[in-house]
Structure formats: structure tokens, C-alpha cells
């Protein structure tokens, strides 16, 4: 891949990564605030528990996204960026521009989604 394209995709990935890190900081502050909240009644206890669970799920999802972006950055460094993890074909540049962290070509992604829907 050309140096200018590597620079472009690195920048796009880093922008998304910084957004996720900012989101994680906010979610962790929200979670911390709930930990120090002193509910007055059972309704507040239930609501706080539900909010903590929701925030925990969001944190887990953002951490997964962060791992994917970090993996994409490593692939840019080692030269394997833009190669489908399933079939080994090049991922079209248009797909990478839309999803800089894509690790599957469109054909393999559609097949993955098909199998996921079949599984349930």
C-alpha cells in the first residue's frame, strides 16, 4: 500500500480511536458516579442497577471496538492492512474508506452475516 494511503487510513483509524477513548472516559465517569450514589428507595436502587448494567455493556462494546481499531493499526504497521482475514483477497479501497477498520471483504462479511442469522 502506498505511503499516502497508509497515512490516510492511519489518520482515519486514530480519529475513530480517539472518539472511542473519549466515550470510554465519559462512560467510566458515569459508572463511577453511580457507584457513589446513595439511592433513597427501591425504585432508585433498581434504576441504578439497570443504569450500571447498561453502562457496563456500553463500556464492553467500546473496548471491543478499541481492540479492533488497535488491530487495524498493527496491520498498517506490519503491511497486512486491507487484506481479508477470511479469504486473503484485498479489501476494496472504497470499503476501507467507509470502514477503515474492516477486516473482511464484502463477500466474506455478507457470508458471515448470513451464517450469524442462520445460527439464531
C-alpha atoms as a PDB file:
ATOM      1  CA  UNK A   1       0.000   0.000   0.000  1.00  0.00           C
ATOM      2  CA  UNK A   2       1.256   3.480  -0.855  1.00  0.00           C
ATOM      3  CA  UNK A   3       2.600   5.644   1.967  1.00  0.00           C
ATOM      4  CA  UNK A   4      -0.027   8.342   1.410  1.00  0.00           C
ATOM      5  CA  UNK A   5      -2.809   5.758   1.708  1.00  0.00           C
ATOM      6  CA  UNK A   6      -1.264   4.317   4.855  1.00  0.00           C
ATOM      7  CA  UNK A   7      -1.114   7.832   6.289  1.00  0.00           C
ATOM      8  CA  UNK A   8      -4.755   8.481   5.292  1.00  0.00           C
ATOM      9  CA  UNK A   9      -6.068   5.254   6.843  1.00  0.00           C
ATOM     10  CA  UNK A  10      -3.902   5.684   9.960  1.00  0.00           C
ATOM     11  CA  UNK A  11      -5.410   9.116  10.461  1.00  0.00           C
ATOM     12  CA  UNK A  12      -8.967   7.834   9.989  1.00  0.00           C
ATOM     13  CA  UNK A  13      -8.409   4.994  12.455  1.00  0.00           C
ATOM     14  CA  UNK A  14      -6.771   7.294  15.008  1.00  0.00           C
ATOM     15  CA  UNK A  15      -9.689   9.740  14.770  1.00  0.00           C
ATOM     16  CA  UNK A  16     -12.144   6.910  15.482  1.00  0.00           C
ATOM     17  CA  UNK A  17      -9.875   5.581  18.246  1.00  0.00           C
ATOM     18  CA  UNK A  18      -9.716   8.979  19.959  1.00  0.00           C
ATOM     19  CA  UNK A  19     -13.511   9.221  19.777  1.00  0.00           C
ATOM     20  CA  UNK A  20     -13.850   5.852  21.481  1.00  0.00           C
ATOM     21  CA  UNK A  21     -11.338   6.794  24.180  1.00  0.00           C
ATOM     22  CA  UNK A  22     -13.296   9.991  24.869  1.00  0.00           C
ATOM     23  CA  UNK A  23     -16.531   7.989  25.054  1.00  0.00           C
ATOM     24  CA  UNK A  24     -14.940   5.479  27.439  1.00  0.00           C
ATOM     25  CA  UNK A  25     -13.780   8.246  29.768  1.00  0.00           C
ATOM     26  CA  UNK A  26     -17.336   9.614  29.914  1.00  0.00           C
ATOM     27  CA  UNK A  27     -18.875   6.184  30.496  1.00  0.00           C
ATOM     28  CA  UNK A  28     -16.412   5.388  33.261  1.00  0.00           C
ATOM     29  CA  UNK A  29     -17.186   8.723  34.948  1.00  0.00           C
ATOM     30  CA  UNK A  30     -20.904   7.932  34.744  1.00  0.00           C
ATOM     31  CA  UNK A  31     -20.304   4.468  36.202  1.00  0.00           C
ATOM     32  CA  UNK A  32     -18.151   5.896  38.994  1.00  0.00           C
ATOM     33  CA  UNK A  33     -20.857   8.463  39.837  1.00  0.00           C
ATOM     34  CA  UNK A  34     -23.441   5.679  40.124  1.00  0.00           C
ATOM     35  CA  UNK A  35     -21.150   3.721  42.436  1.00  0.00           C
ATOM     36  CA  UNK A  36     -21.170   6.650  44.854  1.00  0.00           C
ATOM     37  CA  UNK A  37     -24.886   7.366  44.550  1.00  0.00           C
ATOM     38  CA  UNK A  38     -26.957   6.644  47.659  1.00  0.00           C
ATOM     39  CA  UNK A  39     -30.425   5.622  46.473  1.00  0.00           C
ATOM     40  CA  UNK A  40     -33.334   6.626  48.657  1.00  0.00           C
ATOM     41  CA  UNK A  41     -35.769   3.855  47.811  1.00  0.00           C
ATOM     42  CA  UNK A  42     -36.113   0.540  45.959  1.00  0.00           C
ATOM     43  CA  UNK A  43     -37.082   2.264  42.720  1.00  0.00           C
ATOM     44  CA  UNK A  44     -33.800   4.190  42.747  1.00  0.00           C
ATOM     45  CA  UNK A  45     -31.868   1.025  43.660  1.00  0.00           C
ATOM     46  CA  UNK A  46     -33.437  -0.779  40.694  1.00  0.00           C
ATOM     47  CA  UNK A  47     -32.855   2.151  38.358  1.00  0.00           C
ATOM     48  CA  UNK A  48     -29.212   2.480  39.429  1.00  0.00           C
ATOM     49  CA  UNK A  49     -28.637  -1.244  38.909  1.00  0.00           C
ATOM     50  CA  UNK A  50     -30.180  -1.028  35.439  1.00  0.00           C
ATOM     51  CA  UNK A  51     -28.046   2.037  34.580  1.00  0.00           C
ATOM     52  CA  UNK A  52     -24.866   0.328  35.817  1.00  0.00           C
ATOM     53  CA  UNK A  53     -25.629  -2.715  33.658  1.00  0.00           C
ATOM     54  CA  UNK A  54     -26.328  -0.522  30.623  1.00  0.00           C
ATOM     55  CA  UNK A  55     -23.116   1.452  31.120  1.00  0.00           C
ATOM     56  CA  UNK A  56     -21.129  -1.777  31.602  1.00  0.00           C
ATOM     57  CA  UNK A  57     -22.479  -3.130  28.300  1.00  0.00           C
ATOM     58  CA  UNK A  58     -21.562   0.110  26.525  1.00  0.00           C
ATOM     59  CA  UNK A  59     -18.057   0.035  28.028  1.00  0.00           C
ATOM     60  CA  UNK A  60     -17.587  -3.578  26.885  1.00  0.00           C
ATOM     61  CA  UNK A  61     -18.753  -2.713  23.354  1.00  0.00           C
ATOM     62  CA  UNK A  62     -16.428   0.295  23.133  1.00  0.00           C
ATOM     63  CA  UNK A  63     -13.489  -1.756  24.428  1.00  0.00           C
ATOM     64  CA  UNK A  64     -14.193  -4.324  21.705  1.00  0.00           C
ATOM     65  CA  UNK A  65     -14.221  -1.516  19.119  1.00  0.00           C
ATOM     66  CA  UNK A  66     -10.940  -0.229  20.539  1.00  0.00           C
ATOM     67  CA  UNK A  67      -9.347  -3.685  20.160  1.00  0.00           C
ATOM     68  CA  UNK A  68     -10.496  -3.803  16.521  1.00  0.00           C
ATOM     69  CA  UNK A  69      -9.019  -0.369  15.806  1.00  0.00           C
ATOM     70  CA  UNK A  70      -5.748  -1.267  17.539  1.00  0.00           C
ATOM     71  CA  UNK A  71      -5.587  -4.410  15.420  1.00  0.00           C
ATOM     72  CA  UNK A  72      -6.089  -2.302  12.282  1.00  0.00           C
ATOM     73  CA  UNK A  73      -3.226  -0.029  13.329  1.00  0.00           C
ATOM     74  CA  UNK A  74      -0.961  -3.048  13.875  1.00  0.00           C
ATOM     75  CA  UNK A  75      -1.896  -4.328  10.403  1.00  0.00           C
ATOM     76  CA  UNK A  76      -0.974  -0.956   8.897  1.00  0.00           C
ATOM     77  CA  UNK A  77       2.430  -1.273  10.533  1.00  0.00           C
ATOM     78  CA  UNK A  78       3.087  -4.885   9.516  1.00  0.00           C
ATOM     79  CA  UNK A  79       1.736  -4.469   5.971  1.00  0.00           C
ATOM     80  CA  UNK A  80      -1.276  -6.770   6.264  1.00  0.00           C
ATOM     81  CA  UNK A  81      -3.857  -3.959   6.340  1.00  0.00           C
ATOM     82  CA  UNK A  82      -6.559  -4.213   3.707  1.00  0.00           C
ATOM     83  CA  UNK A  83      -6.349  -7.991   3.356  1.00  0.00           C
ATOM     84  CA  UNK A  84      -9.485 -10.028   4.106  1.00  0.00           C
ATOM     85  CA  UNK A  85      -8.973 -12.144   7.219  1.00  0.00           C
ATOM     86  CA  UNK A  86     -11.140 -14.884   5.708  1.00  0.00           C
ATOM     87  CA  UNK A  87     -10.254 -15.297   2.027  1.00  0.00           C
ATOM     88  CA  UNK A  88      -6.968 -13.365   1.858  1.00  0.00           C
ATOM     89  CA  UNK A  89      -8.126 -11.134  -1.005  1.00  0.00           C
ATOM     90  CA  UNK A  90      -7.584  -7.359  -0.986  1.00  0.00           C
ATOM     91  CA  UNK A  91     -10.428  -5.400   0.611  1.00  0.00           C
ATOM     92  CA  UNK A  92     -11.632  -2.758  -1.868  1.00  0.00           C
ATOM     93  CA  UNK A  93     -10.394   0.731  -1.052  1.00  0.00           C
ATOM     94  CA  UNK A  94     -13.963   2.085  -1.126  1.00  0.00           C
ATOM     95  CA  UNK A  95     -14.880  -0.315   1.698  1.00  0.00           C
ATOM     96  CA  UNK A  96     -11.835   0.721   3.706  1.00  0.00           C
ATOM     97  CA  UNK A  97     -12.739   4.380   3.229  1.00  0.00           C
ATOM     98  CA  UNK A  98     -16.227   3.658   4.567  1.00  0.00           C
ATOM     99  CA  UNK A  99     -14.971   1.353   7.348  1.00  0.00           C
ATOM    100  CA  UNK A 100     -11.227   1.862   7.931  1.00  0.00           C
ATOM    101  CA  UNK A 101     -11.252  -0.969  10.465  1.00  0.00           C
ATOM    102  CA  UNK A 102     -12.878  -3.538   8.123  1.00  0.00           C
ATOM    103  CA  UNK A 103     -11.097  -6.875   8.260  1.00  0.00           C
ATOM    104  CA  UNK A 104     -13.359  -8.739   5.829  1.00  0.00           C
ATOM    105  CA  UNK A 105     -14.128  -8.114   2.178  1.00  0.00           C
ATOM    106  CA  UNK A 106     -17.778  -7.510   1.333  1.00  0.00           C
ATOM    107  CA  UNK A 107     -18.335 -11.077   0.092  1.00  0.00           C
ATOM    108  CA  UNK A 108     -16.970 -12.637   3.290  1.00  0.00           C
ATOM    109  CA  UNK A 109     -18.822 -10.131   5.511  1.00  0.00           C
ATOM    110  CA  UNK A 110     -22.124 -10.976   3.805  1.00  0.00           C
ATOM    111  CA  UNK A 111     -21.396 -14.669   4.252  1.00  0.00           C
ATOM    112  CA  UNK A 112     -20.525 -14.109   7.944  1.00  0.00           C
ATOM    113  CA  UNK A 113     -23.786 -12.226   8.500  1.00  0.00           C
ATOM    114  CA  UNK A 114     -25.719 -14.928   6.675  1.00  0.00           C
ATOM    115  CA  UNK A 115     -24.300 -17.626   8.948  1.00  0.00           C
ATOM    116  CA  UNK A 116     -24.933 -15.493  12.027  1.00  0.00           C
ATOM    117  CA  UNK A 117     -28.588 -15.107  11.026  1.00  0.00           C
ATOM    118  CA  UNK A 118     -28.885 -18.848  10.408  1.00  0.00           C
ATOM    119  CA  UNK A 119     -27.423 -19.576  13.841  1.00  0.00           C
ATOM    120  CA  UNK A 120     -30.016 -17.571  15.504  1.00  0.00           C
END
